[in-house]
Amino acid sequence: MKNRFIITISDIHGSKQYSVHEIIKKIIFFSVLTFILIGVGTFFYIKFLNSKVDTLRVETNLFKEKVITLKKDAQALKDENAQLNVLKQQLVALIEENTDKLHSMNTQLREVEEIIGIGPDINASFDTRLEQAKKHQKDEEKIIVKNIQKKINQDKVTAIQKTLLLNSIPNGKPLAYRRIASTFGYRIHPVTHKNSFHAGLDLPAKYGTPIYAPASGVVVYAAKKGAYGNFMLIAHSYGFKTAYGHLSRFAVKSGDYVSKGQKIAYVGSTGRSTGPHLHYEVRYLTKWLDPKKFMFLNLDNINDLSAKITKVNWNSILKQTAKMINLSTKHTRK
């Protein structure tokens, strides 16, 4: 009985005694102790979690307050911007008003100058003043005629320059297409499904649709080229080139000179392509340009080139065309 202890249980029916071994007693003791430790640990862990939750709640409230503050600041900036726009409009109106006043004052000043004698000599006789007036009128007429003739010549040169440019640089639509399926710039490639730079326009059209040269030039390349499939590259004047991909067949070959509007190839779906279309590029020296800006060029809007396409040295090109026109004019006169 040394390693045992006795448990007595009493009820209305009497008492019962149970003897428990010492080892079992230890197991029960350690079990109870373990449960107590787990309970204490759980209590402190829950307390720790509660403190974390409280901290997160405080941080969330601070974040919400910051968001509200930022919204208020944004609204304040918006209101300030609106006020600045109103002020800008008022300043523009004031400038226009002062400009009109300045113009009126300038007109009045000229009238005063004429009255005080800046012009014909008011001390001269009537006949002398009349002769001076006639001579002044004739001189003015000569100047006006000279300016008109100069303006006519300038307009002629400008018209010739426009015609020369439209024949030399890419312009107009190279084919009858249905729509622009893919524009110039970054896009998700329809085959690789990766974000990549698209150096031209994709113009869907029926298989075999003819393609025409957008400007005169020389065919530099006309053969297969990787993902382009059947590929053509034409070199035009002043550093411009146009490229054509996914062609079904060629109408000209490498080394041929082509004129603006000449048939050069046919629409296909060769290379890395999802259907019949023309991949069309416009290049200037080492740069790729947006072909869409060139497709709508004509005699009416060609003067807007420098504003629409800023990556091209138009001043240099216009100077060169002027030299060519002058040389042509000199040879014609001779």
C-alpha atoms as a PDB file:
ATOM      1  CA  MET A   1       0.000   0.000   0.000  1.00  0.00           C
ATOM      2  CA  LYS A   2       3.052   2.247   0.080  1.00  0.00           C
ATOM      3  CA  ASN A   3       2.784   3.317  -3.597  1.00  0.00           C
ATOM      4  CA  ARG A   4      -0.983   3.717  -3.500  1.00  0.00           C
ATOM      5  CA  PHE A   5      -3.423   6.264  -2.096  1.00  0.00           C
ATOM      6  CA  ILE A   6      -7.091   5.801  -1.336  1.00  0.00           C
ATOM      7  CA  ILE A   7      -9.979   7.865  -2.830  1.00  0.00           C
ATOM      8  CA  THR A   8     -13.245   7.713  -0.825  1.00  0.00           C
ATOM      9  CA  ILE A   9     -16.549   8.640  -2.540  1.00  0.00           C
ATOM     10  CA  SER A  10     -19.654   9.003  -0.321  1.00  0.00           C
ATOM     11  CA  ASP A  11     -23.327   9.365  -1.296  1.00  0.00           C
ATOM     12  CA  ILE A  12     -26.755   8.506   0.230  1.00  0.00           C
ATOM     13  CA  HIS A  13     -26.152   4.870  -0.409  1.00  0.00           C
ATOM     14  CA  GLY A  14     -22.929   4.754   1.564  1.00  0.00           C
ATOM     15  CA  SER A  15     -19.209   5.230   0.952  1.00  0.00           C
ATOM     16  CA  LYS A  16     -16.878   3.556  -1.501  1.00  0.00           C
ATOM     17  CA  GLN A  17     -13.154   3.529  -1.431  1.00  0.00           C
ATOM     18  CA  TYR A  18     -10.808   3.296  -4.396  1.00  0.00           C
ATOM     19  CA  SER A  19      -7.077   2.793  -4.196  1.00  0.00           C
ATOM     20  CA  VAL A  20      -4.936   4.592  -6.843  1.00  0.00           C
ATOM     21  CA  HIS A  21      -1.362   3.812  -7.661  1.00  0.00           C
ATOM     22  CA  GLU A  22       1.283   6.553  -6.976  1.00  0.00           C
ATOM     23  CA  ILE A  23       2.286   6.780 -10.650  1.00  0.00           C
ATOM     24  CA  ILE A  24      -1.300   7.513 -11.655  1.00  0.00           C
ATOM     25  CA  LYS A  25      -1.374  10.164  -8.954  1.00  0.00           C
ATOM     26  CA  LYS A  26       1.663  11.832 -10.558  1.00  0.00           C
ATOM     27  CA  ILE A  27       0.102  11.622 -14.028  1.00  0.00           C
ATOM     28  CA  ILE A  28      -3.028  13.314 -12.756  1.00  0.00           C
ATOM     29  CA  PHE A  29      -0.976  15.973 -11.041  1.00  0.00           C
ATOM     30  CA  PHE A  30       1.078  16.775 -14.110  1.00  0.00           C
ATOM     31  CA  SER A  31      -2.029  16.711 -16.297  1.00  0.00           C
ATOM     32  CA  VAL A  32      -3.726  19.224 -14.054  1.00  0.00           C
ATOM     33  CA  LEU A  33      -0.575  21.320 -14.015  1.00  0.00           C
ATOM     34  CA  THR A  34      -0.366  21.163 -17.809  1.00  0.00           C
ATOM     35  CA  PHE A  35      -3.977  22.286 -18.192  1.00  0.00           C
ATOM     36  CA  ILE A  36      -3.326  25.154 -15.803  1.00  0.00           C
ATOM     37  CA  LEU A  37      -0.221  26.233 -17.768  1.00  0.00           C
ATOM     38  CA  ILE A  38      -2.127  25.984 -21.062  1.00  0.00           C
ATOM     39  CA  GLY A  39      -4.948  28.037 -19.594  1.00  0.00           C
ATOM     40  CA  VAL A  40      -2.539  30.694 -18.322  1.00  0.00           C
ATOM     41  CA  GLY A  41      -0.676  30.742 -21.660  1.00  0.00           C
ATOM     42  CA  THR A  42      -3.957  31.011 -23.579  1.00  0.00           C
ATOM     43  CA  PHE A  43      -5.060  33.882 -21.374  1.00  0.00           C
ATOM     44  CA  PHE A  44      -1.878  35.867 -21.983  1.00  0.00           C
ATOM     45  CA  TYR A  45      -1.900  35.053 -25.736  1.00  0.00           C
ATOM     46  CA  ILE A  46      -5.493  36.262 -26.056  1.00  0.00           C
ATOM     47  CA  LYS A  47      -4.527  39.366 -24.129  1.00  0.00           C
ATOM     48  CA  PHE A  48      -1.602  39.867 -26.550  1.00  0.00           C
ATOM     49  CA  LEU A  49      -3.901  39.445 -29.558  1.00  0.00           C
ATOM     50  CA  ASN A  50      -6.361  41.913 -28.091  1.00  0.00           C
ATOM     51  CA  SER A  51      -3.591  44.477 -27.708  1.00  0.00           C
ATOM     52  CA  LYS A  52      -2.589  43.889 -31.350  1.00  0.00           C
ATOM     53  CA  VAL A  53      -6.195  44.315 -32.454  1.00  0.00           C
ATOM     54  CA  ASP A  54      -6.417  47.558 -30.469  1.00  0.00           C
ATOM     55  CA  THR A  55      -3.191  48.770 -32.101  1.00  0.00           C
ATOM     56  CA  LEU A  56      -4.498  47.889 -35.573  1.00  0.00           C
ATOM     57  CA  ARG A  57      -7.777  49.625 -34.794  1.00  0.00           C
ATOM     58  CA  VAL A  58      -5.913  52.771 -33.775  1.00  0.00           C
ATOM     59  CA  GLU A  59      -3.719  52.614 -36.901  1.00  0.00           C
ATOM     60  CA  THR A  60      -6.818  52.070 -39.072  1.00  0.00           C
ATOM     61  CA  ASN A  61      -8.480  55.108 -37.545  1.00  0.00           C
ATOM     62  CA  LEU A  62      -5.330  57.156 -38.146  1.00  0.00           C
ATOM     63  CA  PHE A  63      -5.224  55.947 -41.761  1.00  0.00           C
ATOM     64  CA  LYS A  64      -8.890  56.880 -42.254  1.00  0.00           C
ATOM     65  CA  GLU A  65      -8.183  60.320 -40.815  1.00  0.00           C
ATOM     66  CA  LYS A  66      -5.237  60.720 -43.233  1.00  0.00           C
ATOM     67  CA  VAL A  67      -7.446  59.663 -46.161  1.00  0.00           C
ATOM     68  CA  ILE A  68     -10.093  62.197 -45.120  1.00  0.00           C
ATOM     69  CA  THR A  69      -7.390  64.865 -44.804  1.00  0.00           C
ATOM     70  CA  LEU A  70      -6.005  63.994 -48.254  1.00  0.00           C
ATOM     71  CA  LYS A  71      -9.497  64.164 -49.752  1.00  0.00           C
ATOM     72  CA  LYS A  72      -9.997  67.574 -48.173  1.00  0.00           C
ATOM     73  CA  ASP A  73      -6.603  68.714 -49.506  1.00  0.00           C
ATOM     74  CA  ALA A  74      -7.479  67.390 -52.985  1.00  0.00           C
ATOM     75  CA  GLN A  75     -10.792  69.222 -52.917  1.00  0.00           C
ATOM     76  CA  ALA A  76      -9.025  72.367 -51.750  1.00  0.00           C
ATOM     77  CA  LEU A  77      -6.532  72.046 -54.634  1.00  0.00           C
ATOM     78  CA  LYS A  78      -9.410  71.474 -57.044  1.00  0.00           C
ATOM     79  CA  ASP A  79     -11.181  74.581 -55.762  1.00  0.00           C
ATOM     80  CA  GLU A  80      -7.944  76.566 -55.968  1.00  0.00           C
ATOM     81  CA  ASN A  81      -7.410  75.325 -59.541  1.00  0.00           C
ATOM     82  CA  ALA A  82     -10.942  76.422 -60.455  1.00  0.00           C
ATOM     83  CA  GLN A  83     -10.251  79.854 -58.957  1.00  0.00           C
ATOM     84  CA  LEU A  84      -6.983  80.064 -60.921  1.00  0.00           C
ATOM     85  CA  ASN A  85      -8.840  79.180 -64.127  1.00  0.00           C
ATOM     86  CA  VAL A  86     -11.363  81.932 -63.451  1.00  0.00           C
ATOM     87  CA  LEU A  87      -8.506  84.345 -62.756  1.00  0.00           C
ATOM     88  CA  LYS A  88      -6.794  83.229 -65.970  1.00  0.00           C
ATOM     89  CA  GLN A  89      -9.960  83.903 -67.980  1.00  0.00           C
ATOM     90  CA  GLN A  90     -10.257  87.331 -66.370  1.00  0.00           C
ATOM     91  CA  LEU A  91      -6.610  88.094 -67.206  1.00  0.00           C
ATOM     92  CA  VAL A  92      -7.097  86.939 -70.819  1.00  0.00           C
ATOM     93  CA  ALA A  93     -10.165  89.179 -71.117  1.00  0.00           C
ATOM     94  CA  LEU A  94      -8.216  92.077 -69.593  1.00  0.00           C
ATOM     95  CA  ILE A  95      -5.305  91.528 -71.996  1.00  0.00           C
ATOM     96  CA  GLU A  96      -7.680  91.449 -74.989  1.00  0.00           C
ATOM     97  CA  GLU A  97      -9.366  94.630 -73.765  1.00  0.00           C
ATOM     98  CA  ASN A  98      -6.022  96.404 -73.311  1.00  0.00           C
ATOM     99  CA  THR A  99      -4.867  95.170 -76.720  1.00  0.00           C
ATOM    100  CA  ASP A 100      -7.948  96.731 -78.332  1.00  0.00           C
ATOM    101  CA  LYS A 101      -7.293  99.953 -76.437  1.00  0.00           C
ATOM    102  CA  LEU A 102      -3.647  99.951 -77.550  1.00  0.00           C
ATOM    103  CA  HIS A 103      -4.688  99.401 -81.163  1.00  0.00           C
ATOM    104  CA  SER A 104      -7.160 102.293 -80.923  1.00  0.00           C
ATOM    105  CA  MET A 105      -4.526 104.561 -79.346  1.00  0.00           C
ATOM    106  CA  ASN A 106      -2.066 103.605 -82.080  1.00  0.00           C
ATOM    107  CA  THR A 107      -4.613 104.580 -84.748  1.00  0.00           C
ATOM    108  CA  GLN A 108      -5.267 107.905 -83.011  1.00  0.00           C
ATOM    109  CA  LEU A 109      -1.528 108.554 -82.744  1.00  0.00           C
ATOM    110  CA  ARG A 110      -1.103 108.069 -86.481  1.00  0.00           C
ATOM    111  CA  GLU A 111      -3.928 110.525 -87.108  1.00  0.00           C
ATOM    112  CA  VAL A 112      -2.242 113.071 -84.793  1.00  0.00           C
ATOM    113  CA  GLU A 113       1.085 112.552 -86.605  1.00  0.00           C
ATOM    114  CA  GLU A 114      -0.584 113.335 -89.917  1.00  0.00           C
ATOM    115  CA  ILE A 115      -2.260 116.427 -88.411  1.00  0.00           C
ATOM    116  CA  ILE A 116       0.971 117.841 -86.941  1.00  0.00           C
ATOM    117  CA  GLY A 117       2.768 117.454 -90.268  1.00  0.00           C
ATOM    118  CA  ILE A 118       4.562 114.114 -90.296  1.00  0.00           C
ATOM    119  CA  GLY A 119       3.903 113.560 -94.013  1.00  0.00           C
ATOM    120  CA  PRO A 120       3.457 116.293 -96.704  1.00  0.00           C
ATOM    121  CA  ASP A 121       4.951 119.720 -95.904  1.00  0.00           C
ATOM    122  CA  ILE A 122       2.029 121.828 -94.597  1.00  0.00           C
ATOM    123  CA  ASN A 123       3.935 125.064 -95.386  1.00  0.00           C
ATOM    124  CA  ALA A 124       4.250 124.241 -99.117  1.00  0.00           C
ATOM    125  CA  SER A 125       1.863 125.601-101.751  1.00  0.00           C
ATOM    126  CA  PHE A 126      -1.242 123.742-102.830  1.00  0.00           C
ATOM    127  CA  ASP A 127       0.313 122.669-106.142  1.00  0.00           C
ATOM    128  CA  THR A 128       3.514 121.511-104.435  1.00  0.00           C
ATOM    129  CA  ARG A 129       1.547 119.558-101.834  1.00  0.00           C
ATOM    130  CA  LEU A 130      -0.584 118.036-104.608  1.00  0.00           C
ATOM    131  CA  GLU A 131       2.537 116.924-106.500  1.00  0.00           C
ATOM    132  CA  GLN A 132       3.976 115.506-103.274  1.00  0.00           C
ATOM    133  CA  ALA A 133       0.742 113.638-102.608  1.00  0.00           C
ATOM    134  CA  LYS A 134       0.703 112.207-106.158  1.00  0.00           C
ATOM    135  CA  LYS A 135       4.368 111.169-105.881  1.00  0.00           C
ATOM    136  CA  HIS A 136       3.738 109.620-102.446  1.00  0.00           C
ATOM    137  CA  GLN A 137       0.706 107.785-103.837  1.00  0.00           C
ATOM    138  CA  LYS A 138       2.727 106.436-106.782  1.00  0.00           C
ATOM    139  CA  ASP A 139       5.501 105.276-104.448  1.00  0.00           C
ATOM    140  CA  GLU A 140       2.970 103.529-102.229  1.00  0.00           C
ATOM    141  CA  GLU A 141       1.360 101.882-105.273  1.00  0.00           C
ATOM    142  CA  LYS A 142       4.763 100.618-106.412  1.00  0.00           C
ATOM    143  CA  ILE A 143       5.454  99.198-102.949  1.00  0.00           C
ATOM    144  CA  ILE A 144       2.012  97.550-102.848  1.00  0.00           C
ATOM    145  CA  VAL A 145       2.465  96.040-106.332  1.00  0.00           C
ATOM    146  CA  LYS A 146       5.950  94.829-105.383  1.00  0.00           C
ATOM    147  CA  ASN A 147       4.642  93.232-102.172  1.00  0.00           C
ATOM    148  CA  ILE A 148       1.757  91.596-104.039  1.00  0.00           C
ATOM    149  CA  GLN A 149       4.158  90.197-106.650  1.00  0.00           C
ATOM    150  CA  LYS A 150       6.467  88.972-103.883  1.00  0.00           C
ATOM    151  CA  LYS A 151       3.524  87.324-102.113  1.00  0.00           C
ATOM    152  CA  ILE A 152       2.414  85.668-105.381  1.00  0.00           C
ATOM    153  CA  ASN A 153       5.937  84.315-105.929  1.00  0.00           C
ATOM    154  CA  GLN A 154       6.077  83.088-102.323  1.00  0.00           C
ATOM    155  CA  ASP A 155       2.734  81.352-102.727  1.00  0.00           C
ATOM    156  CA  LYS A 156       3.960  79.705-105.920  1.00  0.00           C
ATOM    157  CA  VAL A 157       7.103  78.459-104.188  1.00  0.00           C
ATOM    158  CA  THR A 158       5.048  77.248-101.246  1.00  0.00           C
ATOM    159  CA  ALA A 159       2.688  75.363-103.571  1.00  0.00           C
ATOM    160  CA  ILE A 160       5.637  73.804-105.397  1.00  0.00           C
ATOM    161  CA  GLN A 161       7.228  72.864-102.067  1.00  0.00           C
ATOM    162  CA  LYS A 162       3.986  71.229-100.939  1.00  0.00           C
ATOM    163  CA  THR A 163       3.745  69.209-104.149  1.00  0.00           C
ATOM    164  CA  LEU A 164       7.399  68.181-103.893  1.00  0.00           C
ATOM    165  CA  LEU A 165       6.992  67.127-100.252  1.00  0.00           C
ATOM    166  CA  LEU A 166       3.824  65.126-100.930  1.00  0.00           C
ATOM    167  CA  ASN A 167       5.649  63.251-103.676  1.00  0.00           C
ATOM    168  CA  SER A 168       8.781  62.653-101.579  1.00  0.00           C
ATOM    169  CA  ILE A 169       7.629  61.851 -98.023  1.00  0.00           C
ATOM    170  CA  PRO A 170       5.057  59.173 -97.023  1.00  0.00           C
ATOM    171  CA  ASN A 171       1.469  60.425 -97.067  1.00  0.00           C
ATOM    172  CA  GLY A 172      -1.995  59.063 -97.730  1.00  0.00           C
ATOM    173  CA  LYS A 173      -3.393  55.568 -97.185  1.00  0.00           C
ATOM    174  CA  PRO A 174      -1.321  52.716 -98.652  1.00  0.00           C
ATOM    175  CA  LEU A 175      -4.388  50.476 -99.147  1.00  0.00           C
ATOM    176  CA  ALA A 176      -8.139  50.207 -98.721  1.00  0.00           C
ATOM    177  CA  TYR A 177      -8.370  48.852 -95.162  1.00  0.00           C
ATOM    178  CA  ARG A 178     -11.366  48.161 -92.929  1.00  0.00           C
ATOM    179  CA  ARG A 179     -10.099  49.666 -89.666  1.00  0.00           C
ATOM    180  CA  ILE A 180      -6.968  50.146 -87.553  1.00  0.00           C
ATOM    181  CA  ALA A 181      -6.680  46.906 -85.572  1.00  0.00           C
ATOM    182  CA  SER A 182      -3.571  47.865 -83.621  1.00  0.00           C
ATOM    183  CA  THR A 183      -2.107  51.352 -83.154  1.00  0.00           C
ATOM    184  CA  PHE A 184       1.447  52.652 -82.813  1.00  0.00           C
ATOM    185  CA  GLY A 185       2.991  52.212 -79.336  1.00  0.00           C
ATOM    186  CA  TYR A 186       2.981  49.676 -76.516  1.00  0.00           C
ATOM    187  CA  ARG A 187       0.336  46.940 -76.609  1.00  0.00           C
ATOM    188  CA  ILE A 188      -0.387  43.321 -75.610  1.00  0.00           C
ATOM    189  CA  HIS A 189       0.848  41.243 -78.563  1.00  0.00           C
ATOM    190  CA  PRO A 190      -2.013  39.114 -79.998  1.00  0.00           C
ATOM    191  CA  VAL A 191       0.285  36.085 -80.464  1.00  0.00           C
ATOM    192  CA  THR A 192       2.825  36.247 -77.609  1.00  0.00           C
ATOM    193  CA  HIS A 193       0.352  37.927 -75.176  1.00  0.00           C
ATOM    194  CA  LYS A 194       3.229  40.039 -73.818  1.00  0.00           C
ATOM    195  CA  ASN A 195       3.421  43.822 -73.475  1.00  0.00           C
ATOM    196  CA  SER A 196       5.677  44.971 -76.316  1.00  0.00           C
ATOM    197  CA  PHE A 197       6.304  48.006 -78.516  1.00  0.00           C
ATOM    198  CA  HIS A 198       4.354  48.038 -81.791  1.00  0.00           C
ATOM    199  CA  ALA A 199       6.369  50.025 -84.326  1.00  0.00           C
ATOM    200  CA  GLY A 200       3.528  50.600 -86.804  1.00  0.00           C
ATOM    201  CA  LEU A 201      -0.157  50.114 -87.600  1.00  0.00           C
ATOM    202  CA  ASP A 202      -2.029  46.866 -88.275  1.00  0.00           C
ATOM    203  CA  LEU A 203      -4.540  47.438 -91.095  1.00  0.00           C
ATOM    204  CA  PRO A 204      -6.862  44.438 -91.716  1.00  0.00           C
ATOM    205  CA  ALA A 205      -7.988  43.921 -95.312  1.00  0.00           C
ATOM    206  CA  LYS A 206      -9.066  41.086 -97.600  1.00  0.00           C
ATOM    207  CA  TYR A 207      -6.376  38.627 -98.660  1.00  0.00           C
ATOM    208  CA  GLY A 208      -4.748  39.897-101.856  1.00  0.00           C
ATOM    209  CA  THR A 209      -5.781  43.559-101.444  1.00  0.00           C
ATOM    210  CA  PRO A 210      -3.276  45.695-103.421  1.00  0.00           C
ATOM    211  CA  ILE A 211      -0.872  47.996-101.557  1.00  0.00           C
ATOM    212  CA  TYR A 212       0.370  51.260-103.095  1.00  0.00           C
ATOM    213  CA  ALA A 213       3.524  53.320-102.496  1.00  0.00           C
ATOM    214  CA  PRO A 214       2.760  56.375-100.279  1.00  0.00           C
ATOM    215  CA  ALA A 215       5.669  58.283-101.885  1.00  0.00           C
ATOM    216  CA  SER A 216       8.298  57.835-104.577  1.00  0.00           C
ATOM    217  CA  GLY A 217      11.412  55.894-103.588  1.00  0.00           C
ATOM    218  CA  VAL A 218      13.642  52.853-104.068  1.00  0.00           C
ATOM    219  CA  VAL A 219      12.852  49.304-102.910  1.00  0.00           C
ATOM    220  CA  VAL A 220      15.666  48.423-100.486  1.00  0.00           C
ATOM    221  CA  TYR A 221      14.398  44.985 -99.399  1.00  0.00           C
ATOM    222  CA  ALA A 222      11.729  42.594-100.692  1.00  0.00           C
ATOM    223  CA  ALA A 223      11.966  39.092 -99.189  1.00  0.00           C
ATOM    224  CA  LYS A 224      11.086  37.035 -96.117  1.00  0.00           C
ATOM    225  CA  LYS A 225      12.174  38.430 -92.752  1.00  0.00           C
ATOM    226  CA  GLY A 226      11.385  36.581 -89.512  1.00  0.00           C
ATOM    227  CA  ALA A 227       8.131  37.495 -87.786  1.00  0.00           C
ATOM    228  CA  TYR A 228       7.369  40.032 -90.564  1.00  0.00           C
ATOM    229  CA  GLY A 229       6.908  37.193 -93.057  1.00  0.00           C
ATOM    230  CA  ASN A 230       7.137  38.606 -96.576  1.00  0.00           C
ATOM    231  CA  PHE A 231       8.628  42.035 -95.887  1.00  0.00           C
ATOM    232  CA  MET A 232       9.341  45.145 -97.979  1.00  0.00           C
ATOM    233  CA  LEU A 233      11.343  48.271 -97.145  1.00  0.00           C
ATOM    234  CA  ILE A 234      11.252  51.385 -99.357  1.00  0.00           C
ATOM    235  CA  ALA A 235      13.682  54.311 -98.977  1.00  0.00           C
ATOM    236  CA  HIS A 236      12.182  57.729 -99.744  1.00  0.00           C
ATOM    237  CA  SER A 237      13.734  61.208 -99.826  1.00  0.00           C
ATOM    238  CA  TYR A 238      15.046  63.217 -96.825  1.00  0.00           C
ATOM    239  CA  GLY A 239      15.737  60.130 -94.650  1.00  0.00           C
ATOM    240  CA  PHE A 240      12.219  58.629 -94.676  1.00  0.00           C
ATOM    241  CA  LYS A 241      11.497  54.918 -95.082  1.00  0.00           C
ATOM    242  CA  THR A 242       8.319  52.829 -95.103  1.00  0.00           C
ATOM    243  CA  ALA A 243       8.054  49.148 -94.168  1.00  0.00           C
ATOM    244  CA  TYR A 244       5.390  46.564 -95.029  1.00  0.00           C
ATOM    245  CA  GLY A 245       4.908  43.195 -93.273  1.00  0.00           C
ATOM    246  CA  HIS A 246       2.901  39.919 -93.649  1.00  0.00           C
ATOM    247  CA  LEU A 247       2.599  40.348 -97.447  1.00  0.00           C
ATOM    248  CA  SER A 248       1.195  37.547 -99.605  1.00  0.00           C
ATOM    249  CA  ARG A 249       3.380  38.483-102.611  1.00  0.00           C
ATOM    250  CA  PHE A 250       5.374  41.330-104.139  1.00  0.00           C
ATOM    251  CA  ALA A 251       4.572  43.472-107.186  1.00  0.00           C
ATOM    252  CA  VAL A 252       8.090  44.956-107.368  1.00  0.00           C
ATOM    253  CA  LYS A 253      11.560  43.698-106.441  1.00  0.00           C
ATOM    254  CA  SER A 254      14.594  44.958-104.565  1.00  0.00           C
ATOM    255  CA  GLY A 255      16.348  47.771-106.467  1.00  0.00           C
ATOM    256  CA  ASP A 256      13.243  48.944-108.327  1.00  0.00           C
ATOM    257  CA  TYR A 257      12.343  52.647-108.323  1.00  0.00           C
ATOM    258  CA  VAL A 258       8.656  53.153-107.492  1.00  0.00           C
ATOM    259  CA  SER A 259       6.491  56.223-107.995  1.00  0.00           C
ATOM    260  CA  LYS A 260       3.887  57.534-105.574  1.00  0.00           C
ATOM    261  CA  GLY A 261       0.666  55.562-106.047  1.00  0.00           C
ATOM    262  CA  GLN A 262       2.361  52.614-107.784  1.00  0.00           C
ATOM    263  CA  LYS A 263       1.237  49.088-106.812  1.00  0.00           C
ATOM    264  CA  ILE A 264       4.018  47.449-104.774  1.00  0.00           C
ATOM    265  CA  ALA A 265       2.561  44.358-103.013  1.00  0.00           C
ATOM    266  CA  TYR A 266      -0.550  42.462-101.816  1.00  0.00           C
ATOM    267  CA  VAL A 267      -2.038  41.845 -98.353  1.00  0.00           C
ATOM    268  CA  GLY A 268      -1.328  38.463 -96.771  1.00  0.00           C
ATOM    269  CA  SER A 269      -0.857  36.705 -93.440  1.00  0.00           C
ATOM    270  CA  THR A 270       2.738  35.456 -93.586  1.00  0.00           C
ATOM    271  CA  GLY A 271       5.078  35.438 -90.581  1.00  0.00           C
ATOM    272  CA  ARG A 272       3.718  35.933 -87.061  1.00  0.00           C
ATOM    273  CA  SER A 273       0.162  36.897 -87.960  1.00  0.00           C
ATOM    274  CA  THR A 274      -3.375  36.104 -86.778  1.00  0.00           C
ATOM    275  CA  GLY A 275      -5.091  36.963 -90.075  1.00  0.00           C
ATOM    276  CA  PRO A 276      -4.732  38.895 -93.354  1.00  0.00           C
ATOM    277  CA  HIS A 277      -3.584  42.448 -92.682  1.00  0.00           C
ATOM    278  CA  LEU A 278      -0.832  44.932 -93.497  1.00  0.00           C
ATOM    279  CA  HIS A 279       1.717  45.870 -90.854  1.00  0.00           C
ATOM    280  CA  TYR A 280       2.722  49.410 -91.938  1.00  0.00           C
ATOM    281  CA  GLU A 281       5.655  51.427 -90.549  1.00  0.00           C
ATOM    282  CA  VAL A 282       7.049  54.924 -91.179  1.00  0.00           C
ATOM    283  CA  ARG A 283      10.684  55.522 -90.233  1.00  0.00           C
ATOM    284  CA  TYR A 284      12.822  58.668 -90.156  1.00  0.00           C
ATOM    285  CA  LEU A 285      16.588  58.076 -89.863  1.00  0.00           C
ATOM    286  CA  THR A 286      16.823  55.828 -86.748  1.00  0.00           C
ATOM    287  CA  LYS A 287      13.362  56.680 -85.380  1.00  0.00           C
ATOM    288  CA  TRP A 288       9.979  55.026 -85.777  1.00  0.00           C
ATOM    289  CA  LEU A 289       7.093  57.479 -86.270  1.00  0.00           C
ATOM    290  CA  ASP A 290       3.327  57.069 -85.947  1.00  0.00           C
ATOM    291  CA  PRO A 291       2.111  56.228 -89.500  1.00  0.00           C
ATOM    292  CA  LYS A 292      -1.398  57.490 -88.700  1.00  0.00           C
ATOM    293  CA  LYS A 293      -0.134  61.100 -88.691  1.00  0.00           C
ATOM    294  CA  PHE A 294       1.205  60.632 -92.235  1.00  0.00           C
ATOM    295  CA  MET A 295      -1.842  58.783 -93.591  1.00  0.00           C
ATOM    296  CA  PHE A 296      -4.028  61.891 -93.391  1.00  0.00           C
ATOM    297  CA  LEU A 297      -1.551  64.396 -94.875  1.00  0.00           C
ATOM    298  CA  ASN A 298      -2.714  66.483 -97.848  1.00  0.00           C
ATOM    299  CA  LEU A 299      -2.218  69.912 -99.433  1.00  0.00           C
ATOM    300  CA  ASP A 300      -4.586  71.529 -96.931  1.00  0.00           C
ATOM    301  CA  ASN A 301      -2.928  70.405 -93.694  1.00  0.00           C
ATOM    302  CA  ILE A 302       0.712  69.891 -94.703  1.00  0.00           C
ATOM    303  CA  ASN A 303       1.611  73.237 -93.089  1.00  0.00           C
ATOM    304  CA  ASP A 304       0.790  71.656 -89.704  1.00  0.00           C
ATOM    305  CA  LEU A 305       3.546  69.037 -90.074  1.00  0.00           C
ATOM    306  CA  SER A 306       6.002  70.670 -87.674  1.00  0.00           C
ATOM    307  CA  ALA A 307       3.353  70.836 -84.928  1.00  0.00           C
ATOM    308  CA  LYS A 308       2.038  67.292 -85.406  1.00  0.00           C
ATOM    309  CA  ILE A 309       5.354  65.472 -86.015  1.00  0.00           C
ATOM    310  CA  THR A 310       8.090  66.964 -83.834  1.00  0.00           C
ATOM    311  CA  LYS A 311      10.799  64.311 -84.298  1.00  0.00           C
ATOM    312  CA  VAL A 312      11.586  65.448 -87.864  1.00  0.00           C
ATOM    313  CA  ASN A 313      13.870  68.378 -88.774  1.00  0.00           C
ATOM    314  CA  TRP A 314      11.319  70.053 -91.064  1.00  0.00           C
ATOM    315  CA  ASN A 315      13.272  73.336 -91.343  1.00  0.00           C
ATOM    316  CA  SER A 316      16.200  71.526 -92.918  1.00  0.00           C
ATOM    317  CA  ILE A 317      13.897  69.632 -95.314  1.00  0.00           C
ATOM    318  CA  LEU A 318      12.073  72.825 -96.366  1.00  0.00           C
ATOM    319  CA  LYS A 319      15.398  74.597 -96.992  1.00  0.00           C
ATOM    320  CA  GLN A 320      16.507  71.703 -99.191  1.00  0.00           C
ATOM    321  CA  THR A 321      13.263  71.785-101.200  1.00  0.00           C
ATOM    322  CA  ALA A 322      13.646  75.548-101.652  1.00  0.00           C
ATOM    323  CA  LYS A 323      17.199  75.040-103.010  1.00  0.00           C
ATOM    324  CA  MET A 324      15.963  72.387-105.431  1.00  0.00           C
ATOM    325  CA  ILE A 325      13.186  74.709-106.653  1.00  0.00           C
ATOM    326  CA  ASN A 326      15.630  77.612-107.105  1.00  0.00           C
ATOM    327  CA  LEU A 327      18.038  75.428-109.090  1.00  0.00           C
ATOM    328  CA  SER A 328      15.186  74.191-111.251  1.00  0.00           C
ATOM    329  CA  THR A 329      13.982  77.769-111.841  1.00  0.00           C
ATOM    330  CA  LYS A 330      17.489  78.955-112.847  1.00  0.00           C
ATOM    331  CA  HIS A 331      17.916  76.112-115.343  1.00  0.00           C
ATOM    332  CA  THR A 332      14.450  76.801-116.765  1.00  0.00           C
ATOM    333  CA  ARG A 333      15.285  80.505-117.294  1.00  0.00           C
ATOM    334  CA  LYS A 334      18.551  79.613-119.055  1.00  0.00           C
END
